[in-house]
PDB file of all heavy atoms in Angstrom:
ATOM      1  N   TRP A   1     -29.393  10.670 277.777  1.00  0.00           N
ATOM      2  CA  TRP A   1     -30.051  11.919 277.430  1.00  0.00           C
ATOM      3  C   TRP A   1     -29.403  13.110 278.112  1.00  0.00           C
ATOM      4  O   TRP A   1     -29.485  14.237 277.616  1.00  0.00           O
ATOM      5  CB  TRP A   1     -31.543  11.821 277.748  1.00  0.00           C
ATOM      6  CG  TRP A   1     -32.166  10.764 276.896  1.00  0.00           C
ATOM      7  CD1 TRP A   1     -32.539   9.512 277.267  1.00  0.00           C
ATOM      8  CD2 TRP A   1     -32.416  10.848 275.494  1.00  0.00           C
ATOM      9  NE1 TRP A   1     -33.012   8.802 276.195  1.00  0.00           N
ATOM     10  CE2 TRP A   1     -32.960   9.600 275.091  1.00  0.00           C
ATOM     11  CE3 TRP A   1     -32.236  11.840 274.539  1.00  0.00           C
ATOM     12  CZ2 TRP A   1     -33.314   9.338 273.768  1.00  0.00           C
ATOM     13  CZ3 TRP A   1     -32.599  11.569 273.224  1.00  0.00           C
ATOM     14  CH2 TRP A   1     -33.130  10.333 272.858  1.00  0.00           C
ATOM     15  N   SER A   2     -28.745  12.884 279.232  1.00  0.00           N
ATOM     16  CA  SER A   2     -28.010  13.993 279.849  1.00  0.00           C
ATOM     17  C   SER A   2     -26.856  14.414 278.948  1.00  0.00           C
ATOM     18  O   SER A   2     -26.505  15.594 278.869  1.00  0.00           O
ATOM     19  CB  SER A   2     -27.487  13.607 281.235  1.00  0.00           C
ATOM     20  OG  SER A   2     -26.356  12.775 281.150  1.00  0.00           O
ATOM     21  N   ALA A   3     -26.251  13.435 278.264  1.00  0.00           N
ATOM     22  CA  ALA A   3     -25.199  13.762 277.303  1.00  0.00           C
ATOM     23  C   ALA A   3     -25.770  14.576 276.145  1.00  0.00           C
ATOM     24  O   ALA A   3     -25.122  15.494 275.638  1.00  0.00           O
ATOM     25  CB  ALA A   3     -24.542  12.489 276.785  1.00  0.00           C
ATOM     26  N   VAL A   4     -26.994  14.246 275.727  1.00  0.00           N
ATOM     27  CA  VAL A   4     -27.656  15.015 274.676  1.00  0.00           C
ATOM     28  C   VAL A   4     -27.934  16.438 275.168  1.00  0.00           C
ATOM     29  O   VAL A   4     -27.715  17.423 274.452  1.00  0.00           O
ATOM     30  CB  VAL A   4     -28.960  14.328 274.228  1.00  0.00           C
ATOM     31  CG1 VAL A   4     -29.720  15.203 273.243  1.00  0.00           C
ATOM     32  CG2 VAL A   4     -28.648  12.963 273.596  1.00  0.00           C
ATOM     33  N   VAL A   5     -28.423  16.569 276.424  1.00  0.00           N
ATOM     34  CA  VAL A   5     -28.655  17.894 277.009  1.00  0.00           C
ATOM     35  C   VAL A   5     -27.346  18.674 277.055  1.00  0.00           C
ATOM     36  O   VAL A   5     -27.306  19.871 276.755  1.00  0.00           O
ATOM     37  CB  VAL A   5     -29.273  17.781 278.423  1.00  0.00           C
ATOM     38  CG1 VAL A   5     -29.332  19.148 279.097  1.00  0.00           C
ATOM     39  CG2 VAL A   5     -30.659  17.177 278.356  1.00  0.00           C
ATOM     40  N   ASN A   6     -26.263  17.989 277.426  1.00  0.00           N
ATOM     41  CA  ASN A   6     -24.950  18.642 277.426  1.00  0.00           C
ATOM     42  C   ASN A   6     -24.607  19.170 276.041  1.00  0.00           C
ATOM     43  O   ASN A   6     -24.076  20.275 275.890  1.00  0.00           O
ATOM     44  CB  ASN A   6     -23.868  17.654 277.876  1.00  0.00           C
ATOM     45  CG  ASN A   6     -23.591  17.732 279.357  1.00  0.00           C
ATOM     46  OD1 ASN A   6     -23.666  18.796 279.950  1.00  0.00           O
ATOM     47  ND2 ASN A   6     -23.273  16.599 279.956  1.00  0.00           N
ATOM     48  N   GLY A   7     -24.892  18.361 275.013  1.00  0.00           N
ATOM     49  CA  GLY A   7     -24.607  18.785 273.654  1.00  0.00           C
ATOM     50  C   GLY A   7     -25.404  20.016 273.256  1.00  0.00           C
ATOM     51  O   GLY A   7     -24.880  20.944 272.644  1.00  0.00           O
ATOM     52  N   VAL A   8     -26.681  20.033 273.631  1.00  0.00           N
ATOM     53  CA  VAL A   8     -27.541  21.175 273.316  1.00  0.00           C
ATOM     54  C   VAL A   8     -27.090  22.411 274.089  1.00  0.00           C
ATOM     55  O   VAL A   8     -27.001  23.517 273.537  1.00  0.00           O
ATOM     56  CB  VAL A   8     -29.014  20.841 273.629  1.00  0.00           C
ATOM     57  CG1 VAL A   8     -29.900  22.072 273.470  1.00  0.00           C
ATOM     58  CG2 VAL A   8     -29.502  19.711 272.722  1.00  0.00           C
ATOM     59  N   ALA A   9     -26.764  22.247 275.384  1.00  0.00           N
ATOM     60  CA  ALA A   9     -26.349  23.382 276.210  1.00  0.00           C
ATOM     61  C   ALA A   9     -24.996  23.926 275.776  1.00  0.00           C
ATOM     62  O   ALA A   9     -24.722  25.120 275.909  1.00  0.00           O
ATOM     63  CB  ALA A   9     -26.288  22.967 277.678  1.00  0.00           C
ATOM     64  N   ALA A  10     -24.159  23.031 275.248  1.00  0.00           N
ATOM     65  CA  ALA A  10     -22.803  23.447 274.888  1.00  0.00           C
ATOM     66  C   ALA A  10     -22.797  24.484 273.772  1.00  0.00           C
ATOM     67  O   ALA A  10     -21.945  25.378 273.763  1.00  0.00           O
ATOM     68  CB  ALA A  10     -21.975  22.233 274.468  1.00  0.00           C
ATOM     69  N   VAL A  11     -23.754  24.389 272.834  1.00  0.00           N
ATOM     70  CA  VAL A  11     -23.715  25.264 271.657  1.00  0.00           C
ATOM     71  C   VAL A  11     -23.806  26.741 272.033  1.00  0.00           C
ATOM     72  O   VAL A  11     -22.913  27.534 271.676  1.00  0.00           O
ATOM     73  CB  VAL A  11     -24.801  24.874 270.636  1.00  0.00           C
ATOM     74  CG1 VAL A  11     -24.793  25.849 269.463  1.00  0.00           C
ATOM     75  CG2 VAL A  11     -24.573  23.451 270.136  1.00  0.00           C
ATOM     76  N   PRO A  12     -24.860  27.200 272.750  1.00  0.00           N
ATOM     77  CA  PRO A  12     -24.891  28.626 273.100  1.00  0.00           C
ATOM     78  C   PRO A  12     -23.754  29.039 274.028  1.00  0.00           C
ATOM     79  O   PRO A  12     -23.250  30.167 273.929  1.00  0.00           O
ATOM     80  CB  PRO A  12     -26.255  28.804 273.789  1.00  0.00           C
ATOM     81  CG  PRO A  12     -26.669  27.437 274.210  1.00  0.00           C
ATOM     82  CD  PRO A  12     -26.074  26.502 273.212  1.00  0.00           C
ATOM     83  N   LEU A  13     -23.321  28.130 274.925  1.00  0.00           N
ATOM     84  CA  LEU A  13     -22.215  28.475 275.810  1.00  0.00           C
ATOM     85  C   LEU A  13     -20.923  28.635 275.020  1.00  0.00           C
ATOM     86  O   LEU A  13     -20.124  29.554 275.283  1.00  0.00           O
ATOM     87  CB  LEU A  13     -22.055  27.400 276.891  1.00  0.00           C
ATOM     88  CG  LEU A  13     -20.979  27.657 277.953  1.00  0.00           C
ATOM     89  CD1 LEU A  13     -21.204  28.991 278.641  1.00  0.00           C
ATOM     90  CD2 LEU A  13     -20.955  26.530 278.975  1.00  0.00           C
ATOM     91  N   MET A  14     -20.706  27.769 274.031  1.00  0.00           N
ATOM     92  CA  MET A  14     -19.505  27.876 273.208  1.00  0.00           C
ATOM     93  C   MET A  14     -19.531  29.151 272.372  1.00  0.00           C
ATOM     94  O   MET A  14     -18.499  29.806 272.188  1.00  0.00           O
ATOM     95  CB  MET A  14     -19.369  26.637 272.329  1.00  0.00           C
ATOM     96  CG  MET A  14     -19.019  25.376 273.108  1.00  0.00           C
ATOM     97  SD  MET A  14     -19.231  23.836 272.163  1.00  0.00           S
ATOM     98  CE  MET A  14     -17.793  23.900 271.090  1.00  0.00           C
ATOM     99  N   ILE A  15     -20.703  29.504 271.854  1.00  0.00           N
ATOM    100  CA  ILE A  15     -20.817  30.756 271.100  1.00  0.00           C
ATOM    101  C   ILE A  15     -20.452  31.937 271.998  1.00  0.00           C
ATOM    102  O   ILE A  15     -19.689  32.839 271.596  1.00  0.00           O
ATOM    103  CB  ILE A  15     -22.240  30.920 270.528  1.00  0.00           C
ATOM    104  CG1 ILE A  15     -22.491  29.878 269.435  1.00  0.00           C
ATOM    105  CG2 ILE A  15     -22.446  32.336 269.981  1.00  0.00           C
ATOM    106  CD1 ILE A  15     -23.923  29.844 268.931  1.00  0.00           C
ATOM    107  N   ALA A  16     -20.990  31.939 273.226  1.00  0.00           N
ATOM    108  CA  ALA A  16     -20.685  33.024 274.172  1.00  0.00           C
ATOM    109  C   ALA A  16     -19.198  33.055 274.493  1.00  0.00           C
ATOM    110  O   ALA A  16     -18.581  34.136 274.563  1.00  0.00           O
ATOM    111  CB  ALA A  16     -21.499  32.842 275.451  1.00  0.00           C
ATOM    112  N   MET A  17     -18.583  31.889 274.673  1.00  0.00           N
ATOM    113  CA  MET A  17     -17.146  31.831 274.945  1.00  0.00           C
ATOM    114  C   MET A  17     -16.335  32.393 273.783  1.00  0.00           C
ATOM    115  O   MET A  17     -15.366  33.142 273.993  1.00  0.00           O
ATOM    116  CB  MET A  17     -16.724  30.378 275.210  1.00  0.00           C
ATOM    117  CG  MET A  17     -17.109  29.843 276.564  1.00  0.00           C
ATOM    118  SD  MET A  17     -16.818  28.055 276.673  1.00  0.00           S
ATOM    119  CE  MET A  17     -15.107  27.924 276.189  1.00  0.00           C
ATOM    120  N   MET A  18     -16.721  32.035 272.561  1.00  0.00           N
ATOM    121  CA  MET A  18     -15.985  32.520 271.400  1.00  0.00           C
ATOM    122  C   MET A  18     -16.091  34.042 271.277  1.00  0.00           C
ATOM    123  O   MET A  18     -15.111  34.718 270.939  1.00  0.00           O
ATOM    124  CB  MET A  18     -16.515  31.849 270.129  1.00  0.00           C
ATOM    125  CG  MET A  18     -16.257  30.354 270.045  1.00  0.00           C
ATOM    126  SD  MET A  18     -14.518  29.909 270.239  1.00  0.00           S
ATOM    127  CE  MET A  18     -13.800  30.766 268.840  1.00  0.00           C
ATOM    128  N   LEU A  19     -17.282  34.566 271.559  1.00  0.00           N
ATOM    129  CA  LEU A  19     -17.461  36.015 271.511  1.00  0.00           C
ATOM    130  C   LEU A  19     -16.663  36.699 272.615  1.00  0.00           C
ATOM    131  O   LEU A  19     -16.051  37.757 272.390  1.00  0.00           O
ATOM    132  CB  LEU A  19     -18.946  36.361 271.611  1.00  0.00           C
ATOM    133  CG  LEU A  19     -19.805  35.892 270.432  1.00  0.00           C
ATOM    134  CD1 LEU A  19     -21.281  36.199 270.693  1.00  0.00           C
ATOM    135  CD2 LEU A  19     -19.355  36.535 269.120  1.00  0.00           C
ATOM    136  N   MET A  20     -16.658  36.098 273.813  1.00  0.00           N
ATOM    137  CA  MET A  20     -15.878  36.664 274.914  1.00  0.00           C
ATOM    138  C   MET A  20     -14.388  36.638 274.588  1.00  0.00           C
ATOM    139  O   MET A  20     -13.665  37.622 274.802  1.00  0.00           O
ATOM    140  CB  MET A  20     -16.149  35.882 276.207  1.00  0.00           C
ATOM    141  CG  MET A  20     -17.530  36.094 276.789  1.00  0.00           C
ATOM    142  SD  MET A  20     -17.885  34.957 278.172  1.00  0.00           S
ATOM    143  CE  MET A  20     -16.730  35.553 279.409  1.00  0.00           C
ATOM    144  N   GLY A  21     -13.913  35.494 274.077  1.00  0.00           N
ATOM    145  CA  GLY A  21     -12.500  35.360 273.774  1.00  0.00           C
ATOM    146  C   GLY A  21     -12.027  36.271 272.658  1.00  0.00           C
ATOM    147  O   GLY A  21     -10.834  36.566 272.553  1.00  0.00           O
ATOM    148  N   SER A  22     -12.967  36.724 271.811  1.00  0.00           N
ATOM    149  CA  SER A  22     -12.628  37.610 270.692  1.00  0.00           C
ATOM    150  C   SER A  22     -12.804  39.080 271.037  1.00  0.00           C
ATOM    151  O   SER A  22     -12.429  39.945 270.239  1.00  0.00           O
ATOM    152  CB  SER A  22     -13.509  37.270 269.480  1.00  0.00           C
ATOM    153  OG  SER A  22     -13.361  35.928 269.092  1.00  0.00           O
ATOM    154  N   SER A  23     -13.386  39.373 272.193  1.00  0.00           N
ATOM    155  CA  SER A  23     -13.751  40.742 272.546  1.00  0.00           C
ATOM    156  C   SER A  23     -12.631  41.458 273.293  1.00  0.00           C
ATOM    157  O   SER A  23     -12.160  40.992 274.336  1.00  0.00           O
ATOM    158  CB  SER A  23     -15.012  40.727 273.421  1.00  0.00           C
ATOM    159  OG  SER A  23     -15.271  42.006 273.957  1.00  0.00           O
ATOM    160  N   ARG A  24     -12.227  42.613 272.768  1.00  0.00           N
ATOM    161  CA  ARG A  24     -11.225  43.420 273.471  1.00  0.00           C
ATOM    162  C   ARG A  24     -11.800  43.994 274.767  1.00  0.00           C
ATOM    163  O   ARG A  24     -11.056  44.235 275.724  1.00  0.00           O
ATOM    164  CB  ARG A  24     -10.728  44.553 272.573  1.00  0.00           C
ATOM    165  CG  ARG A  24      -9.776  44.073 271.494  1.00  0.00           C
ATOM    166  CD  ARG A  24      -9.037  45.229 270.857  1.00  0.00           C
ATOM    167  NE  ARG A  24      -7.964  44.757 269.991  1.00  0.00           N
ATOM    168  CZ  ARG A  24      -6.739  44.506 270.385  1.00  0.00           C
ATOM    169  NH1 ARG A  24      -6.420  44.683 271.669  1.00  0.00           N
ATOM    170  NH2 ARG A  24      -5.815  44.080 269.545  1.00  0.00           N
ATOM    171  N   LYS A  25     -13.102  44.179 274.808  1.00  0.00           N
ATOM    172  CA  LYS A  25     -13.748  44.671 276.030  1.00  0.00           C
ATOM    173  C   LYS A  25     -13.574  43.670 277.161  1.00  0.00           C
ATOM    174  O   LYS A  25     -13.410  44.048 278.332  1.00  0.00           O
ATOM    175  CB  LYS A  25     -15.231  44.927 275.766  1.00  0.00           C
ATOM    176  CG  LYS A  25     -15.985  45.472 276.968  1.00  0.00           C
ATOM    177  CD  LYS A  25     -17.437  45.722 276.626  1.00  0.00           C
ATOM    178  CE  LYS A  25     -18.196  46.238 277.849  1.00  0.00           C
ATOM    179  NZ  LYS A  25     -19.641  46.453 277.549  1.00  0.00           N
ATOM    180  N   VAL A  26     -13.627  42.383 276.819  1.00  0.00           N
ATOM    181  CA  VAL A  26     -13.504  41.326 277.826  1.00  0.00           C
ATOM    182  C   VAL A  26     -12.044  40.958 278.059  1.00  0.00           C
ATOM    183  O   VAL A  26     -11.590  40.838 279.205  1.00  0.00           O
ATOM    184  CB  VAL A  26     -14.288  40.068 277.392  1.00  0.00           C
ATOM    185  CG1 VAL A  26     -14.098  38.935 278.399  1.00  0.00           C
ATOM    186  CG2 VAL A  26     -15.766  40.387 277.227  1.00  0.00           C
ATOM    187  N   MET A  27     -11.279  40.774 276.977  1.00  0.00           N
ATOM    188  CA  MET A  27      -9.938  40.197 277.054  1.00  0.00           C
ATOM    189  C   MET A  27      -8.807  41.218 276.939  1.00  0.00           C
ATOM    190  O   MET A  27      -7.633  40.850 277.087  1.00  0.00           O
ATOM    191  CB  MET A  27      -9.762  39.150 275.949  1.00  0.00           C
ATOM    192  CG  MET A  27     -10.779  38.015 275.991  1.00  0.00           C
ATOM    193  SD  MET A  27     -10.507  36.867 277.332  1.00  0.00           S
ATOM    194  CE  MET A  27      -9.091  35.945 276.722  1.00  0.00           C
ATOM    195  N   GLY A  28      -9.144  42.482 276.667  1.00  0.00           N
ATOM    196  CA  GLY A  28      -8.085  43.467 276.471  1.00  0.00           C
ATOM    197  C   GLY A  28      -7.235  43.094 275.274  1.00  0.00           C
ATOM    198  O   GLY A  28      -7.750  42.720 274.220  1.00  0.00           O
ATOM    199  N   LYS A  29      -5.923  43.155 275.428  1.00  0.00           N
ATOM    200  CA  LYS A  29      -5.027  42.820 274.311  1.00  0.00           C
ATOM    201  C   LYS A  29      -4.770  41.321 274.188  1.00  0.00           C
ATOM    202  O   LYS A  29      -4.027  40.894 273.314  1.00  0.00           O
ATOM    203  CB  LYS A  29      -3.706  43.562 274.452  1.00  0.00           C
ATOM    204  CG  LYS A  29      -2.841  43.127 275.624  1.00  0.00           C
ATOM    205  CD  LYS A  29      -1.534  43.903 275.613  1.00  0.00           C
ATOM    206  CE  LYS A  29      -0.598  43.448 276.724  1.00  0.00           C
ATOM    207  NZ  LYS A  29       0.683  44.186 276.703  1.00  0.00           N
ATOM    208  N   PHE A  30      -5.412  40.523 275.050  1.00  0.00           N
ATOM    209  CA  PHE A  30      -5.188  39.078 275.041  1.00  0.00           C
ATOM    210  C   PHE A  30      -6.328  38.315 274.371  1.00  0.00           C
ATOM    211  O   PHE A  30      -6.681  37.216 274.795  1.00  0.00           O
ATOM    212  CB  PHE A  30      -4.967  38.569 276.464  1.00  0.00           C
ATOM    213  CG  PHE A  30      -3.728  39.116 277.112  1.00  0.00           C
ATOM    214  CD1 PHE A  30      -3.819  40.062 278.109  1.00  0.00           C
ATOM    215  CD2 PHE A  30      -2.478  38.702 276.697  1.00  0.00           C
ATOM    216  CE1 PHE A  30      -2.691  40.584 278.700  1.00  0.00           C
ATOM    217  CE2 PHE A  30      -1.326  39.224 277.283  1.00  0.00           C
ATOM    218  CZ  PHE A  30      -1.437  40.170 278.292  1.00  0.00           C
ATOM    219  N   THR A  31      -6.914  38.909 273.336  1.00  0.00           N
ATOM    220  CA  THR A  31      -7.910  38.178 272.566  1.00  0.00           C
ATOM    221  C   THR A  31      -7.253  36.938 271.953  1.00  0.00           C
ATOM    222  O   THR A  31      -6.048  36.911 271.709  1.00  0.00           O
ATOM    223  CB  THR A  31      -8.503  39.052 271.451  1.00  0.00           C
ATOM    224  OG1 THR A  31      -7.432  39.570 270.649  1.00  0.00           O
ATOM    225  CG2 THR A  31      -9.310  40.208 272.037  1.00  0.00           C
ATOM    226  N   MET A  32      -8.063  35.911 271.739  1.00  0.00           N
ATOM    227  CA  MET A  32      -7.507  34.633 271.297  1.00  0.00           C
ATOM    228  C   MET A  32      -6.828  34.752 269.931  1.00  0.00           C
ATOM    229  O   MET A  32      -7.304  35.480 269.058  1.00  0.00           O
ATOM    230  CB  MET A  32      -8.602  33.573 271.243  1.00  0.00           C
ATOM    231  CG  MET A  32      -9.602  33.732 270.128  1.00  0.00           C
ATOM    232  SD  MET A  32     -10.916  32.495 270.145  1.00  0.00           S
ATOM    233  CE  MET A  32     -12.071  33.252 271.270  1.00  0.00           C
ATOM    234  N   PRO A  33      -5.702  34.050 269.728  1.00  0.00           N
ATOM    235  CA  PRO A  33      -5.026  34.062 268.425  1.00  0.00           C
ATOM    236  C   PRO A  33      -5.855  33.319 267.384  1.00  0.00           C
ATOM    237  O   PRO A  33      -6.738  32.525 267.727  1.00  0.00           O
ATOM    238  CB  PRO A  33      -3.703  33.347 268.712  1.00  0.00           C
ATOM    239  CG  PRO A  33      -3.986  32.488 269.899  1.00  0.00           C
ATOM    240  CD  PRO A  33      -4.991  33.238 270.727  1.00  0.00           C
ATOM    241  N   TRP A  34      -5.534  33.534 266.117  1.00  0.00           N
ATOM    242  CA  TRP A  34      -6.383  32.996 265.049  1.00  0.00           C
ATOM    243  C   TRP A  34      -6.461  31.463 265.036  1.00  0.00           C
ATOM    244  O   TRP A  34      -7.527  30.923 264.711  1.00  0.00           O
ATOM    245  CB  TRP A  34      -5.948  33.540 263.673  1.00  0.00           C
ATOM    246  CG  TRP A  34      -4.665  32.986 263.141  1.00  0.00           C
ATOM    247  CD1 TRP A  34      -3.434  33.535 263.219  1.00  0.00           C
ATOM    248  CD2 TRP A  34      -4.501  31.752 262.427  1.00  0.00           C
ATOM    249  NE1 TRP A  34      -2.498  32.734 262.615  1.00  0.00           N
ATOM    250  CE2 TRP A  34      -3.122  31.628 262.112  1.00  0.00           C
ATOM    251  CE3 TRP A  34      -5.365  30.746 262.015  1.00  0.00           C
ATOM    252  CZ2 TRP A  34      -2.605  30.552 261.414  1.00  0.00           C
ATOM    253  CZ3 TRP A  34      -4.848  29.655 261.321  1.00  0.00           C
ATOM    254  CH2 TRP A  34      -3.498  29.571 261.031  1.00  0.00           C
ATOM    255  N   PRO A  35      -5.403  30.694 265.383  1.00  0.00           N
ATOM    256  CA  PRO A  35      -5.579  29.233 265.380  1.00  0.00           C
ATOM    257  C   PRO A  35      -6.641  28.777 266.391  1.00  0.00           C
ATOM    258  O   PRO A  35      -7.461  27.907 266.086  1.00  0.00           O
ATOM    259  CB  PRO A  35      -4.187  28.708 265.741  1.00  0.00           C
ATOM    260  CG  PRO A  35      -3.246  29.793 265.362  1.00  0.00           C
ATOM    261  CD  PRO A  35      -3.981  31.046 265.662  1.00  0.00           C
ATOM    262  N   LEU A  36      -6.619  29.373 267.590  1.00  0.00           N
ATOM    263  CA  LEU A  36      -7.640  29.030 268.577  1.00  0.00           C
ATOM    264  C   LEU A  36      -9.021  29.464 268.096  1.00  0.00           C
ATOM    265  O   LEU A  36     -10.008  28.755 268.278  1.00  0.00           O
ATOM    266  CB  LEU A  36      -7.334  29.697 269.918  1.00  0.00           C
ATOM    267  CG  LEU A  36      -6.360  28.999 270.866  1.00  0.00           C
ATOM    268  CD1 LEU A  36      -6.293  29.739 272.191  1.00  0.00           C
ATOM    269  CD2 LEU A  36      -6.754  27.555 271.087  1.00  0.00           C
ATOM    270  N   LYS A  37      -9.071  30.633 267.486  1.00  0.00           N
ATOM    271  CA  LYS A  37     -10.352  31.133 266.987  1.00  0.00           C
ATOM    272  C   LYS A  37     -10.904  30.196 265.911  1.00  0.00           C
ATOM    273  O   LYS A  37     -12.091  29.850 265.911  1.00  0.00           O
ATOM    274  CB  LYS A  37     -10.181  32.550 266.425  1.00  0.00           C
ATOM    275  CG  LYS A  37     -11.485  33.238 266.064  1.00  0.00           C
ATOM    276  CD  LYS A  37     -11.231  34.676 265.585  1.00  0.00           C
ATOM    277  CE  LYS A  37     -10.690  35.541 266.695  1.00  0.00           C
ATOM    278  NZ  LYS A  37     -10.607  36.970 266.281  1.00  0.00           N
ATOM    279  N   LEU A  38     -10.032  29.740 265.003  1.00  0.00           N
ATOM    280  CA  LEU A  38     -10.457  28.845 263.922  1.00  0.00           C
ATOM    281  C   LEU A  38     -11.002  27.539 264.488  1.00  0.00           C
ATOM    282  O   LEU A  38     -12.133  27.132 264.170  1.00  0.00           O
ATOM    283  CB  LEU A  38      -9.276  28.573 262.990  1.00  0.00           C
ATOM    284  CG  LEU A  38      -9.498  27.500 261.916  1.00  0.00           C
ATOM    285  CD1 LEU A  38     -10.604  27.926 260.963  1.00  0.00           C
ATOM    286  CD2 LEU A  38      -8.193  27.226 261.161  1.00  0.00           C
ATOM    287  N   PHE A  39     -10.203  26.870 265.342  1.00  0.00           N
ATOM    288  CA  PHE A  39     -10.623  25.571 265.855  1.00  0.00           C
ATOM    289  C   PHE A  39     -11.762  25.707 266.870  1.00  0.00           C
ATOM    290  O   PHE A  39     -12.589  24.801 266.998  1.00  0.00           O
ATOM    291  CB  PHE A  39      -9.433  24.826 266.461  1.00  0.00           C
ATOM    292  CG  PHE A  39      -8.551  24.187 265.432  1.00  0.00           C
ATOM    293  CD1 PHE A  39      -7.391  24.814 265.000  1.00  0.00           C
ATOM    294  CD2 PHE A  39      -8.887  22.962 264.873  1.00  0.00           C
ATOM    295  CE1 PHE A  39      -6.584  24.231 264.037  1.00  0.00           C
ATOM    296  CE2 PHE A  39      -8.083  22.365 263.914  1.00  0.00           C
ATOM    297  CZ  PHE A  39      -6.929  23.008 263.492  1.00  0.00           C
ATOM    298  N   GLY A  40     -11.804  26.835 267.574  1.00  0.00           N
ATOM    299  CA  GLY A  40     -12.919  27.065 268.490  1.00  0.00           C
ATOM    300  C   GLY A  40     -14.238  27.173 267.755  1.00  0.00           C
ATOM    301  O   GLY A  40     -15.255  26.580 268.155  1.00  0.00           O
ATOM    302  N   TRP A  41     -14.254  27.928 266.643  1.00  0.00           N
ATOM    303  CA  TRP A  41     -15.483  28.048 265.852  1.00  0.00           C
ATOM    304  C   TRP A  41     -15.809  26.736 265.150  1.00  0.00           C
ATOM    305  O   TRP A  41     -16.994  26.395 264.983  1.00  0.00           O
ATOM    306  CB  TRP A  41     -15.368  29.186 264.845  1.00  0.00           C
ATOM    307  CG  TRP A  41     -15.624  30.549 265.436  1.00  0.00           C
ATOM    308  CD1 TRP A  41     -14.747  31.587 265.520  1.00  0.00           C
ATOM    309  CD2 TRP A  41     -16.840  31.005 266.041  1.00  0.00           C
ATOM    310  NE1 TRP A  41     -15.339  32.662 266.134  1.00  0.00           N
ATOM    311  CE2 TRP A  41     -16.631  32.343 266.458  1.00  0.00           C
ATOM    312  CE3 TRP A  41     -18.092  30.426 266.272  1.00  0.00           C
ATOM    313  CZ2 TRP A  41     -17.605  33.106 267.096  1.00  0.00           C
ATOM    314  CZ3 TRP A  41     -19.081  31.176 266.911  1.00  0.00           C
ATOM    315  CH2 TRP A  41     -18.838  32.488 267.312  1.00  0.00           C
TER     316      TRP A  41
END
């Protein structure tokens, strides 16, 4: 069940990571390239 909790917790954290990685405010000119963005989503 801890693995299940990990799965549930991972979803909002992954969404936040994807938004951070796509944000120029956070990453400047080093926002993630489209292949990473595709596979990340």
